[in-house]
Amino acid sequence: MSEEVEREDGASKGRYRIVVDGHEAEMTYSRAGQKLIIIDHTDVPAALRGRKIGGQLVRQVVEDARREGITIIPLCPFAKAQIERHLEWQDVLRK
């Protein structure tokens, strides 16, 4: 898949987005300090369901968190389920 995940990072909130065939999927997060983010929402439009777009967003969050030394609290049920399903991603979870 050639579509790229984009990141918009603000002082207190941010989001990851990907546009596929004119449809935008996003995952939003809030900052809870310098080294902690809370994933609060994932939205993948019906037109993109079943194409692993949501998983792509979660993977990008995990990769960025590792690179930046950030831990994650996944309040969003989708993100939580994705991270639980991938044991190799759990190193970024807040213990």
PDB file of N, CA and C in Angstrom:
ATOM      1  N   MET A   1       0.857  -1.183   0.000  1.00  0.00           N
ATOM      2  CA  MET A   1       0.000   0.000   0.000  1.00  0.00           C
ATOM      3  C   MET A   1       0.898   1.239   0.000  1.00  0.00           C
ATOM      4  N   SER A   2       0.713   2.101  -0.951  1.00  0.00           N
ATOM      5  CA  SER A   2       1.620   3.234  -1.094  1.00  0.00           C
ATOM      6  C   SER A   2       1.177   4.458  -0.291  1.00  0.00           C
ATOM      7  N   GLU A   3      -0.081   4.464   0.187  1.00  0.00           N
ATOM      8  CA  GLU A   3      -0.567   5.608   0.940  1.00  0.00           C
ATOM      9  C   GLU A   3       0.259   5.756   2.209  1.00  0.00           C
ATOM     10  N   GLU A   4       0.579   6.982   2.534  1.00  0.00           N
ATOM     11  CA  GLU A   4       1.443   7.238   3.674  1.00  0.00           C
ATOM     12  C   GLU A   4       0.653   7.751   4.861  1.00  0.00           C
ATOM     13  N   VAL A   5       1.051   7.313   6.035  1.00  0.00           N
ATOM     14  CA  VAL A   5       0.438   7.819   7.259  1.00  0.00           C
ATOM     15  C   VAL A   5       1.054   9.183   7.562  1.00  0.00           C
ATOM     16  N   GLU A   6       0.209  10.174   7.768  1.00  0.00           N
ATOM     17  CA  GLU A   6       0.677  11.515   8.105  1.00  0.00           C
ATOM     18  C   GLU A   6       0.410  11.753   9.585  1.00  0.00           C
ATOM     19  N   ARG A   7       1.240  12.584  10.178  1.00  0.00           N
ATOM     20  CA  ARG A   7       1.088  12.891  11.598  1.00  0.00           C
ATOM     21  C   ARG A   7       0.961  14.397  11.778  1.00  0.00           C
ATOM     22  N   GLU A   8      -0.037  14.780  12.545  1.00  0.00           N
ATOM     23  CA  GLU A   8      -0.207  16.177  12.924  1.00  0.00           C
ATOM     24  C   GLU A   8      -0.058  16.217  14.435  1.00  0.00           C
ATOM     25  N   ASP A   9       0.987  16.874  14.905  1.00  0.00           N
ATOM     26  CA  ASP A   9       1.322  16.828  16.322  1.00  0.00           C
ATOM     27  C   ASP A   9       1.229  18.216  16.928  1.00  0.00           C
ATOM     28  N   GLY A  10       0.313  18.386  17.874  1.00  0.00           N
ATOM     29  CA  GLY A  10       0.162  19.674  18.545  1.00  0.00           C
ATOM     30  C   GLY A  10       0.716  19.620  19.957  1.00  0.00           C
ATOM     31  N   ALA A  11       0.581  20.715  20.670  1.00  0.00           N
ATOM     32  CA  ALA A  11       1.114  20.797  22.031  1.00  0.00           C
ATOM     33  C   ALA A  11       0.406  19.833  22.978  1.00  0.00           C
ATOM     34  N   SER A  12      -0.917  19.683  22.828  1.00  0.00           N
ATOM     35  CA  SER A  12      -1.653  18.824  23.755  1.00  0.00           C
ATOM     36  C   SER A  12      -2.379  17.678  23.060  1.00  0.00           C
ATOM     37  N   LYS A  13      -2.601  17.810  21.762  1.00  0.00           N
ATOM     38  CA  LYS A  13      -3.317  16.773  21.012  1.00  0.00           C
ATOM     39  C   LYS A  13      -2.636  16.556  19.666  1.00  0.00           C
ATOM     40  N   GLY A  14      -2.951  15.428  19.070  1.00  0.00           N
ATOM     41  CA  GLY A  14      -2.428  15.162  17.740  1.00  0.00           C
ATOM     42  C   GLY A  14      -3.252  14.091  17.071  1.00  0.00           C
ATOM     43  N   ARG A  15      -2.888  13.806  15.831  1.00  0.00           N
ATOM     44  CA  ARG A  15      -3.581  12.733  15.134  1.00  0.00           C
ATOM     45  C   ARG A  15      -2.701  12.163  14.035  1.00  0.00           C
ATOM     46  N   TYR A  16      -3.010  10.943  13.701  1.00  0.00           N
ATOM     47  CA  TYR A  16      -2.421  10.278  12.554  1.00  0.00           C
ATOM     48  C   TYR A  16      -3.541  10.121  11.551  1.00  0.00           C
ATOM     49  N   ARG A  17      -3.227  10.349  10.280  1.00  0.00           N
ATOM     50  CA  ARG A  17      -4.269  10.204   9.265  1.00  0.00           C
ATOM     51  C   ARG A  17      -3.690   9.552   8.031  1.00  0.00           C
ATOM     52  N   ILE A  18      -4.559   8.886   7.311  1.00  0.00           N
ATOM     53  CA  ILE A  18      -4.176   8.303   6.040  1.00  0.00           C
ATOM     54  C   ILE A  18      -5.370   8.462   5.106  1.00  0.00           C
ATOM     55  N   VAL A  19      -5.094   8.872   3.885  1.00  0.00           N
ATOM     56  CA  VAL A  19      -6.155   9.044   2.898  1.00  0.00           C
ATOM     57  C   VAL A  19      -5.971   7.972   1.826  1.00  0.00           C
ATOM     58  N   VAL A  20      -7.020   7.179   1.641  1.00  0.00           N
ATOM     59  CA  VAL A  20      -7.002   6.105   0.645  1.00  0.00           C
ATOM     60  C   VAL A  20      -8.238   6.257  -0.225  1.00  0.00           C
ATOM     61  N   ASP A  21      -8.038   6.341  -1.519  1.00  0.00           N
ATOM     62  CA  ASP A  21      -9.153   6.472  -2.469  1.00  0.00           C
ATOM     63  C   ASP A  21     -10.109   7.593  -2.070  1.00  0.00           C
ATOM     64  N   GLY A  22      -9.561   8.700  -1.578  1.00  0.00           N
ATOM     65  CA  GLY A  22     -10.386   9.840  -1.217  1.00  0.00           C
ATOM     66  C   GLY A  22     -11.063   9.762   0.144  1.00  0.00           C
ATOM     67  N   HIS A  23     -10.853   8.669   0.869  1.00  0.00           N
ATOM     68  CA  HIS A  23     -11.449   8.510   2.205  1.00  0.00           C
ATOM     69  C   HIS A  23     -10.352   8.678   3.253  1.00  0.00           C
ATOM     70  N   GLU A  24     -10.671   9.422   4.328  1.00  0.00           N
ATOM     71  CA  GLU A  24      -9.688   9.659   5.377  1.00  0.00           C
ATOM     72  C   GLU A  24      -9.974   8.803   6.609  1.00  0.00           C
ATOM     73  N   ALA A  25      -8.952   8.080   7.050  1.00  0.00           N
ATOM     74  CA  ALA A  25      -9.011   7.361   8.326  1.00  0.00           C
ATOM     75  C   ALA A  25      -8.106   8.118   9.281  1.00  0.00           C
ATOM     76  N   GLU A  26      -8.470   8.133  10.577  1.00  0.00           N
ATOM     77  CA  GLU A  26      -7.636   8.849  11.522  1.00  0.00           C
ATOM     78  C   GLU A  26      -7.601   8.166  12.876  1.00  0.00           C
ATOM     79  N   MET A  27      -6.557   8.478  13.621  1.00  0.00           N
ATOM     80  CA  MET A  27      -6.426   8.067  15.011  1.00  0.00           C
ATOM     81  C   MET A  27      -5.985   9.299  15.782  1.00  0.00           C
ATOM     82  N   THR A  28      -6.720   9.640  16.831  1.00  0.00           N
ATOM     83  CA  THR A  28      -6.392  10.842  17.596  1.00  0.00           C
ATOM     84  C   THR A  28      -5.780  10.462  18.938  1.00  0.00           C
ATOM     85  N   TYR A  29      -4.978  11.359  19.455  1.00  0.00           N
ATOM     86  CA  TYR A  29      -4.359  11.130  20.761  1.00  0.00           C
ATOM     87  C   TYR A  29      -4.224  12.440  21.519  1.00  0.00           C
ATOM     88  N   SER A  30      -4.055  12.294  22.826  1.00  0.00           N
ATOM     89  CA  SER A  30      -3.801  13.431  23.709  1.00  0.00           C
ATOM     90  C   SER A  30      -2.466  13.204  24.396  1.00  0.00           C
ATOM     91  N   ARG A  31      -1.764  14.280  24.643  1.00  0.00           N
ATOM     92  CA  ARG A  31      -0.515  14.189  25.399  1.00  0.00           C
ATOM     93  C   ARG A  31      -0.829  14.251  26.884  1.00  0.00           C
ATOM     94  N   ALA A  32      -0.189  13.384  27.644  1.00  0.00           N
ATOM     95  CA  ALA A  32      -0.368  13.381  29.102  1.00  0.00           C
ATOM     96  C   ALA A  32       1.028  13.500  29.714  1.00  0.00           C
ATOM     97  N   GLY A  33       1.704  14.568  29.357  1.00  0.00           N
ATOM     98  CA  GLY A  33       3.079  14.749  29.812  1.00  0.00           C
ATOM     99  C   GLY A  33       4.041  14.608  28.649  1.00  0.00           C
ATOM    100  N   GLN A  34       5.317  14.784  28.933  1.00  0.00           N
ATOM    101  CA  GLN A  34       6.346  14.775  27.890  1.00  0.00           C
ATOM    102  C   GLN A  34       6.479  13.427  27.191  1.00  0.00           C
ATOM    103  N   LYS A  35       6.355  12.354  27.964  1.00  0.00           N
ATOM    104  CA  LYS A  35       6.682  11.029  27.438  1.00  0.00           C
ATOM    105  C   LYS A  35       5.509  10.059  27.457  1.00  0.00           C
ATOM    106  N   LEU A  36       4.278  10.592  27.411  1.00  0.00           N
ATOM    107  CA  LEU A  36       3.097   9.727  27.461  1.00  0.00           C
ATOM    108  C   LEU A  36       2.006  10.279  26.548  1.00  0.00           C
ATOM    109  N   ILE A  37       1.450   9.398  25.708  1.00  0.00           N
ATOM    110  CA  ILE A  37       0.282   9.772  24.913  1.00  0.00           C
ATOM    111  C   ILE A  37      -0.853   8.789  25.193  1.00  0.00           C
ATOM    112  N   ILE A  38      -2.059   9.292  25.047  1.00  0.00           N
ATOM    113  CA  ILE A  38      -3.264   8.486  25.227  1.00  0.00           C
ATOM    114  C   ILE A  38      -3.983   8.444  23.882  1.00  0.00           C
ATOM    115  N   ILE A  39      -4.083   7.264  23.313  1.00  0.00           N
ATOM    116  CA  ILE A  39      -4.840   7.110  22.054  1.00  0.00           C
ATOM    117  C   ILE A  39      -6.310   7.092  22.439  1.00  0.00           C
ATOM    118  N   ASP A  40      -7.063   8.078  21.936  1.00  0.00           N
ATOM    119  CA  ASP A  40      -8.450   8.159  22.380  1.00  0.00           C
ATOM    120  C   ASP A  40      -9.483   7.779  21.329  1.00  0.00           C
ATOM    121  N   HIS A  41      -9.117   7.744  20.064  1.00  0.00           N
ATOM    122  CA  HIS A  41     -10.143   7.451  19.051  1.00  0.00           C
ATOM    123  C   HIS A  41      -9.502   6.994  17.749  1.00  0.00           C
ATOM    124  N   THR A  42     -10.124   6.006  17.130  1.00  0.00           N
ATOM    125  CA  THR A  42      -9.725   5.578  15.785  1.00  0.00           C
ATOM    126  C   THR A  42     -10.981   5.564  14.936  1.00  0.00           C
ATOM    127  N   ASP A  43     -10.900   6.145  13.757  1.00  0.00           N
ATOM    128  CA  ASP A  43     -12.047   6.159  12.863  1.00  0.00           C
ATOM    129  C   ASP A  43     -11.600   5.737  11.469  1.00  0.00           C
ATOM    130  N   VAL A  44     -12.143   4.617  11.018  1.00  0.00           N
ATOM    131  CA  VAL A  44     -11.888   4.144   9.656  1.00  0.00           C
ATOM    132  C   VAL A  44     -13.235   4.088   8.954  1.00  0.00           C
ATOM    133  N   PRO A  45     -13.412   4.878   7.891  1.00  0.00           N
ATOM    134  CA  PRO A  45     -14.705   4.884   7.205  1.00  0.00           C
ATOM    135  C   PRO A  45     -15.053   3.502   6.640  1.00  0.00           C
ATOM    136  N   ALA A  46     -16.335   3.249   6.519  1.00  0.00           N
ATOM    137  CA  ALA A  46     -16.822   1.948   6.031  1.00  0.00           C
ATOM    138  C   ALA A  46     -16.154   1.548   4.715  1.00  0.00           C
ATOM    139  N   ALA A  47     -15.905   2.520   3.854  1.00  0.00           N
ATOM    140  CA  ALA A  47     -15.314   2.230   2.535  1.00  0.00           C
ATOM    141  C   ALA A  47     -13.910   1.628   2.646  1.00  0.00           C
ATOM    142  N   LEU A  48     -13.251   1.850   3.786  1.00  0.00           N
ATOM    143  CA  LEU A  48     -11.868   1.361   3.944  1.00  0.00           C
ATOM    144  C   LEU A  48     -11.763   0.168   4.887  1.00  0.00           C
ATOM    145  N   ARG A  49     -12.864  -0.270   5.450  1.00  0.00           N
ATOM    146  CA  ARG A  49     -12.815  -1.374   6.412  1.00  0.00           C
ATOM    147  C   ARG A  49     -12.327  -2.652   5.734  1.00  0.00           C
ATOM    148  N   GLY A  50     -11.646  -3.473   6.509  1.00  0.00           N
ATOM    149  CA  GLY A  50     -11.157  -4.741   5.983  1.00  0.00           C
ATOM    150  C   GLY A  50      -9.871  -4.612   5.184  1.00  0.00           C
ATOM    151  N   ARG A  51      -9.271  -3.432   5.176  1.00  0.00           N
ATOM    152  CA  ARG A  51      -8.042  -3.230   4.391  1.00  0.00           C
ATOM    153  C   ARG A  51      -6.830  -2.965   5.281  1.00  0.00           C
ATOM    154  N   LYS A  52      -6.985  -3.252   6.573  1.00  0.00           N
ATOM    155  CA  LYS A  52      -5.891  -3.124   7.548  1.00  0.00           C
ATOM    156  C   LYS A  52      -5.386  -1.685   7.711  1.00  0.00           C
ATOM    157  N   ILE A  53      -6.242  -0.715   7.395  1.00  0.00           N
ATOM    158  CA  ILE A  53      -5.867   0.695   7.511  1.00  0.00           C
ATOM    159  C   ILE A  53      -5.696   1.078   8.980  1.00  0.00           C
ATOM    160  N   GLY A  54      -6.629   0.663   9.828  1.00  0.00           N
ATOM    161  CA  GLY A  54      -6.533   0.962  11.252  1.00  0.00           C
ATOM    162  C   GLY A  54      -5.258   0.378  11.852  1.00  0.00           C
ATOM    163  N   GLY A  55      -4.927  -0.838  11.465  1.00  0.00           N
ATOM    164  CA  GLY A  55      -3.696  -1.469  11.944  1.00  0.00           C
ATOM    165  C   GLY A  55      -2.463  -0.707  11.503  1.00  0.00           C
ATOM    166  N   GLN A  56      -2.529  -0.150  10.316  1.00  0.00           N
ATOM    167  CA  GLN A  56      -1.415   0.652   9.801  1.00  0.00           C
ATOM    168  C   GLN A  56      -1.216   1.904  10.662  1.00  0.00           C
ATOM    169  N   LEU A  57      -2.323   2.519  11.083  1.00  0.00           N
ATOM    170  CA  LEU A  57      -2.236   3.691  11.947  1.00  0.00           C
ATOM    171  C   LEU A  57      -1.607   3.322  13.294  1.00  0.00           C
ATOM    172  N   VAL A  58      -2.054   2.201  13.872  1.00  0.00           N
ATOM    173  CA  VAL A  58      -1.516   1.777  15.168  1.00  0.00           C
ATOM    174  C   VAL A  58      -0.023   1.467  15.045  1.00  0.00           C
ATOM    175  N   ARG A  59       0.354   0.780  13.970  1.00  0.00           N
ATOM    176  CA  ARG A  59       1.768   0.442  13.775  1.00  0.00           C
ATOM    177  C   ARG A  59       2.621   1.713  13.713  1.00  0.00           C
ATOM    178  N   GLN A  60       2.129   2.749  13.038  1.00  0.00           N
ATOM    179  CA  GLN A  60       2.886   3.999  12.938  1.00  0.00           C
ATOM    180  C   GLN A  60       3.040   4.665  14.302  1.00  0.00           C
ATOM    181  N   VAL A  61       1.972   4.648  15.111  1.00  0.00           N
ATOM    182  CA  VAL A  61       2.045   5.208  16.466  1.00  0.00           C
ATOM    183  C   VAL A  61       3.107   4.464  17.278  1.00  0.00           C
ATOM    184  N   VAL A  62       3.095   3.126  17.185  1.00  0.00           N
ATOM    185  CA  VAL A  62       4.059   2.311  17.930  1.00  0.00           C
ATOM    186  C   VAL A  62       5.490   2.630  17.486  1.00  0.00           C
ATOM    187  N   GLU A  63       5.708   2.711  16.177  1.00  0.00           N
ATOM    188  CA  GLU A  63       7.062   3.001  15.667  1.00  0.00           C
ATOM    189  C   GLU A  63       7.529   4.383  16.123  1.00  0.00           C
ATOM    190  N   ASP A  64       6.649   5.377  16.062  1.00  0.00           N
ATOM    191  CA  ASP A  64       7.013   6.724  16.497  1.00  0.00           C
ATOM    192  C   ASP A  64       7.291   6.749  18.002  1.00  0.00           C
ATOM    193  N   ALA A  65       6.474   6.044  18.773  1.00  0.00           N
ATOM    194  CA  ALA A  65       6.657   6.013  20.228  1.00  0.00           C
ATOM    195  C   ALA A  65       8.021   5.417  20.576  1.00  0.00           C
ATOM    196  N   ARG A  66       8.385   4.344  19.895  1.00  0.00           N
ATOM    197  CA  ARG A  66       9.698   3.729  20.146  1.00  0.00           C
ATOM    198  C   ARG A  66      10.824   4.711  19.843  1.00  0.00           C
ATOM    199  N   ARG A  67      10.734   5.344  18.695  1.00  0.00           N
ATOM    200  CA  ARG A  67      11.782   6.258  18.253  1.00  0.00           C
ATOM    201  C   ARG A  67      11.918   7.446  19.205  1.00  0.00           C
ATOM    202  N   GLU A  68      10.801   7.899  19.751  1.00  0.00           N
ATOM    203  CA  GLU A  68      10.796   9.100  20.595  1.00  0.00           C
ATOM    204  C   GLU A  68      10.836   8.789  22.091  1.00  0.00           C
ATOM    205  N   GLY A  69      10.848   7.499  22.448  1.00  0.00           N
ATOM    206  CA  GLY A  69      10.898   7.128  23.854  1.00  0.00           C
ATOM    207  C   GLY A  69       9.614   7.464  24.614  1.00  0.00           C
ATOM    208  N   ILE A  70       8.485   7.307  23.934  1.00  0.00           N
ATOM    209  CA  ILE A  70       7.182   7.644  24.513  1.00  0.00           C
ATOM    210  C   ILE A  70       6.428   6.355  24.853  1.00  0.00           C
ATOM    211  N   THR A  71       5.642   6.398  25.935  1.00  0.00           N
ATOM    212  CA  THR A  71       4.768   5.268  26.232  1.00  0.00           C
ATOM    213  C   THR A  71       3.334   5.639  25.877  1.00  0.00           C
ATOM    214  N   ILE A  72       2.518   4.596  25.704  1.00  0.00           N
ATOM    215  CA  ILE A  72       1.152   4.753  25.199  1.00  0.00           C
ATOM    216  C   ILE A  72       0.153   4.141  26.175  1.00  0.00           C
ATOM    217  N   ILE A  73      -0.946   4.848  26.382  1.00  0.00           N
ATOM    218  CA  ILE A  73      -2.126   4.273  27.028  1.00  0.00           C
ATOM    219  C   ILE A  73      -3.205   4.224  25.946  1.00  0.00           C
ATOM    220  N   PRO A  74      -3.594   3.030  25.491  1.00  0.00           N
ATOM    221  CA  PRO A  74      -4.618   2.943  24.439  1.00  0.00           C
ATOM    222  C   PRO A  74      -6.028   2.881  25.032  1.00  0.00           C
ATOM    223  N   LEU A  75      -6.651   4.039  25.217  1.00  0.00           N
ATOM    224  CA  LEU A  75      -8.041   4.062  25.696  1.00  0.00           C
ATOM    225  C   LEU A  75      -9.000   3.631  24.595  1.00  0.00           C
ATOM    226  N   CYS A  76      -8.652   3.895  23.372  1.00  0.00           N
ATOM    227  CA  CYS A  76      -9.473   3.499  22.228  1.00  0.00           C
ATOM    228  C   CYS A  76      -9.520   1.968  22.163  1.00  0.00           C
ATOM    229  N   PRO A  77     -10.717   1.366  22.160  1.00  0.00           N
ATOM    230  CA  PRO A  77     -10.821  -0.096  22.142  1.00  0.00           C
ATOM    231  C   PRO A  77     -10.131  -0.744  20.938  1.00  0.00           C
ATOM    232  N   PHE A  78     -10.205  -0.098  19.790  1.00  0.00           N
ATOM    233  CA  PHE A  78      -9.562  -0.669  18.598  1.00  0.00           C
ATOM    234  C   PHE A  78      -8.047  -0.713  18.768  1.00  0.00           C
ATOM    235  N   ALA A  79      -7.456   0.405  19.173  1.00  0.00           N
ATOM    236  CA  ALA A  79      -6.004   0.460  19.350  1.00  0.00           C
ATOM    237  C   ALA A  79      -5.561  -0.525  20.424  1.00  0.00           C
ATOM    238  N   LYS A  80      -6.331  -0.607  21.505  1.00  0.00           N
ATOM    239  CA  LYS A  80      -6.018  -1.538  22.593  1.00  0.00           C
ATOM    240  C   LYS A  80      -5.999  -2.971  22.076  1.00  0.00           C
ATOM    241  N   ALA A  81      -7.016  -3.339  21.298  1.00  0.00           N
ATOM    242  CA  ALA A  81      -7.102  -4.698  20.751  1.00  0.00           C
ATOM    243  C   ALA A  81      -5.943  -4.985  19.801  1.00  0.00           C
ATOM    244  N   GLN A  82      -5.587  -4.015  18.976  1.00  0.00           N
ATOM    245  CA  GLN A  82      -4.477  -4.202  18.033  1.00  0.00           C
ATOM    246  C   GLN A  82      -3.162  -4.441  18.779  1.00  0.00           C
ATOM    247  N   ILE A  83      -2.915  -3.625  19.794  1.00  0.00           N
ATOM    248  CA  ILE A  83      -1.657  -3.757  20.533  1.00  0.00           C
ATOM    249  C   ILE A  83      -1.640  -5.068  21.313  1.00  0.00           C
ATOM    250  N   GLU A  84      -2.787  -5.482  21.862  1.00  0.00           N
ATOM    251  CA  GLU A  84      -2.843  -6.770  22.570  1.00  0.00           C
ATOM    252  C   GLU A  84      -2.598  -7.931  21.617  1.00  0.00           C
ATOM    253  N   ARG A  85      -3.041  -7.799  20.390  1.00  0.00           N
ATOM    254  CA  ARG A  85      -2.894  -8.862  19.398  1.00  0.00           C
ATOM    255  C   ARG A  85      -1.439  -8.999  18.926  1.00  0.00           C
ATOM    256  N   HIS A  86      -0.682  -7.914  18.992  1.00  0.00           N
ATOM    257  CA  HIS A  86       0.707  -7.910  18.518  1.00  0.00           C
ATOM    258  C   HIS A  86       1.653  -7.819  19.712  1.00  0.00           C
ATOM    259  N   LEU A  87       2.133  -8.960  20.151  1.00  0.00           N
ATOM    260  CA  LEU A  87       3.022  -8.983  21.314  1.00  0.00           C
ATOM    261  C   LEU A  87       4.245  -8.103  21.115  1.00  0.00           C
ATOM    262  N   GLU A  88       4.710  -7.996  19.872  1.00  0.00           N
ATOM    263  CA  GLU A  88       5.926  -7.219  19.586  1.00  0.00           C
ATOM    264  C   GLU A  88       5.704  -5.710  19.723  1.00  0.00           C
ATOM    265  N   TRP A  89       4.473  -5.280  19.891  1.00  0.00           N
ATOM    266  CA  TRP A  89       4.187  -3.855  20.056  1.00  0.00           C
ATOM    267  C   TRP A  89       4.034  -3.459  21.517  1.00  0.00           C
ATOM    268  N   GLN A  90       3.994  -4.428  22.419  1.00  0.00           N
ATOM    269  CA  GLN A  90       3.614  -4.131  23.800  1.00  0.00           C
ATOM    270  C   GLN A  90       4.717  -3.449  24.600  1.00  0.00           C
ATOM    271  N   ASP A  91       5.904  -3.330  24.035  1.00  0.00           N
ATOM    272  CA  ASP A  91       6.990  -2.638  24.745  1.00  0.00           C
ATOM    273  C   ASP A  91       6.695  -1.158  24.928  1.00  0.00           C
ATOM    274  N   VAL A  92       5.774  -0.602  24.156  1.00  0.00           N
ATOM    275  CA  VAL A  92       5.481   0.839  24.274  1.00  0.00           C
ATOM    276  C   VAL A  92       4.308   1.132  25.221  1.00  0.00           C
ATOM    277  N   LEU A  93       3.670   0.079  25.728  1.00  0.00           N
ATOM    278  CA  LEU A  93       2.546   0.285  26.638  1.00  0.00           C
ATOM    279  C   LEU A  93       3.030   0.813  27.979  1.00  0.00           C
ATOM    280  N   ARG A  94       2.241   1.668  28.589  1.00  0.00           N
ATOM    281  CA  ARG A  94       2.547   2.145  29.935  1.00  0.00           C
ATOM    282  C   ARG A  94       2.346   0.996  30.894  1.00  0.00           C
ATOM    283  N   LYS A  95       3.357   0.694  31.669  1.00  0.00           N
ATOM    284  CA  LYS A  95       3.291  -0.451  32.595  1.00  0.00           C
ATOM    285  C   LYS A  95       2.602  -0.046  33.881  1.00  0.00           C
TER     286      LYS A  95
END
